[in-house]
Amino acid sequence: MSNDKNVSNYGSLVLTRSPGQSIQTVDYEGNLITFNILEVKGKQVKINVLAPKSQQIYREEIFTKILYENDGEIPGTKYKDDLINLNSNL
């Protein structure tokens, strides 16, 4: 959430992609990040993420673990999720 608890400030995009197709975005530093759909088998999708080596990319469960272990922050970044602290008190 990056210091912003208001989810209405975020957009959403739902896409349908097939193997061999991709999704692209640009990070805040102007680096191109490409998500290539490699394979679809049943309920699993194999995705290749092509990004600068300096770009930190995590599976959701690892990202959440890092946030909880670091009081809602990703070390070495400006990312801060204040909702982690709120949720941990439930």
Protein backbone atom coordinates (compact mmCIF):
# COMPACT_ATOMS: atom_id res chain seq x y z
CA MET A 1 0.00 0.00 0.00
CA SER A 2 3.04 2.22 0.19
CA ASN A 3 1.89 4.51 3.04
CA ASP A 4 -1.59 4.78 1.51
CA LYS A 5 -4.45 2.98 3.26
CA ASN A 6 -7.02 4.19 0.71
CA VAL A 7 -7.48 1.31 -1.74
CA SER A 8 -9.59 3.56 -3.98
CA ASN A 9 -6.29 5.19 -5.09
CA TYR A 10 -5.37 1.93 -6.86
CA GLY A 11 -6.52 0.77 -10.26
CA SER A 12 -7.30 -2.74 -11.40
CA LEU A 13 -6.84 -4.47 -14.72
CA VAL A 14 -8.08 -7.95 -15.57
CA LEU A 15 -6.40 -9.59 -18.56
CA THR A 16 -6.66 -12.85 -20.43
CA ARG A 17 -3.33 -14.04 -21.80
CA SER A 18 -2.25 -17.21 -23.57
CA PRO A 19 1.13 -18.96 -23.61
CA GLY A 20 3.57 -16.92 -25.68
CA GLN A 21 1.87 -13.63 -24.79
CA SER A 22 3.11 -11.11 -22.23
CA ILE A 23 2.22 -8.18 -20.00
CA GLN A 24 4.53 -5.19 -19.67
CA THR A 25 4.84 -2.33 -17.23
CA VAL A 26 7.42 0.30 -16.30
CA ASP A 27 8.62 0.84 -12.73
CA TYR A 28 9.14 4.28 -11.13
CA GLU A 29 12.74 4.39 -12.37
CA GLY A 30 11.69 3.81 -15.99
CA ASN A 31 12.76 0.16 -16.15
CA LEU A 32 10.70 -2.15 -18.34
CA ILE A 33 9.30 -5.22 -16.59
CA THR A 34 7.83 -8.01 -18.70
CA PHE A 35 5.68 -10.91 -17.51
CA ASN A 36 5.81 -13.71 -20.09
CA ILE A 37 3.17 -16.43 -19.98
CA LEU A 38 5.11 -19.64 -20.61
CA GLU A 39 2.64 -22.41 -19.92
CA VAL A 40 -0.84 -23.12 -18.60
CA LYS A 41 -1.56 -26.56 -17.10
CA GLY A 42 -4.92 -26.94 -15.40
CA LYS A 43 -5.02 -24.36 -12.61
CA GLN A 44 -1.31 -23.53 -12.78
CA VAL A 45 0.30 -20.81 -14.87
CA LYS A 46 4.06 -20.67 -15.43
CA ILE A 47 5.24 -17.06 -15.70
CA ASN A 48 8.68 -15.67 -16.48
CA VAL A 49 9.40 -12.21 -15.05
CA LEU A 50 12.02 -10.26 -16.97
CA ALA A 51 13.26 -7.31 -14.91
CA PRO A 52 16.51 -5.58 -13.94
CA LYS A 53 18.57 -7.62 -11.47
CA SER A 54 18.14 -4.80 -8.95
CA GLN A 55 14.34 -5.25 -9.04
CA GLN A 56 13.09 -7.21 -6.04
CA ILE A 57 10.45 -9.79 -7.03
CA TYR A 58 8.75 -12.04 -4.48
CA ARG A 59 6.05 -14.67 -4.36
CA GLU A 60 3.14 -13.32 -2.31
CA GLU A 61 3.74 -15.58 0.71
CA ILE A 62 7.43 -14.58 0.87
CA PHE A 63 6.56 -10.89 0.48
CA THR A 64 4.06 -11.11 3.35
CA LYS A 65 6.60 -12.95 5.55
CA ILE A 66 9.22 -10.26 4.93
CA LEU A 67 6.69 -7.54 5.82
CA TYR A 68 5.71 -9.22 9.09
CA GLU A 69 9.34 -9.82 10.06
CA ASN A 70 10.28 -6.19 9.34
CA ASP A 71 7.35 -4.33 10.87
CA GLY A 72 5.64 -3.69 7.53
CA GLU A 73 8.75 -2.66 5.58
CA ILE A 74 10.77 -4.18 2.75
CA PRO A 75 14.42 -3.51 3.70
CA GLY A 76 16.31 -1.42 1.16
CA THR A 77 13.14 0.07 -0.36
CA LYS A 78 10.67 2.86 0.37
CA TYR A 79 7.86 0.28 0.71
CA LYS A 80 5.91 0.55 3.96
CA ASP A 81 2.62 -1.22 4.56
CA ASP A 82 0.94 0.25 7.63
CA LEU A 83 -1.89 -2.28 7.30
CA ILE A 84 0.49 -5.07 8.39
CA ASN A 85 0.61 -3.59 11.89
CA LEU A 86 -3.16 -3.14 11.99
CA ASN A 87 -3.83 -6.71 10.85
CA SER A 88 -1.35 -8.23 13.31
CA ASN A 89 -3.44 -6.88 16.18
CA LEU A 90 -6.57 -8.76 15.11
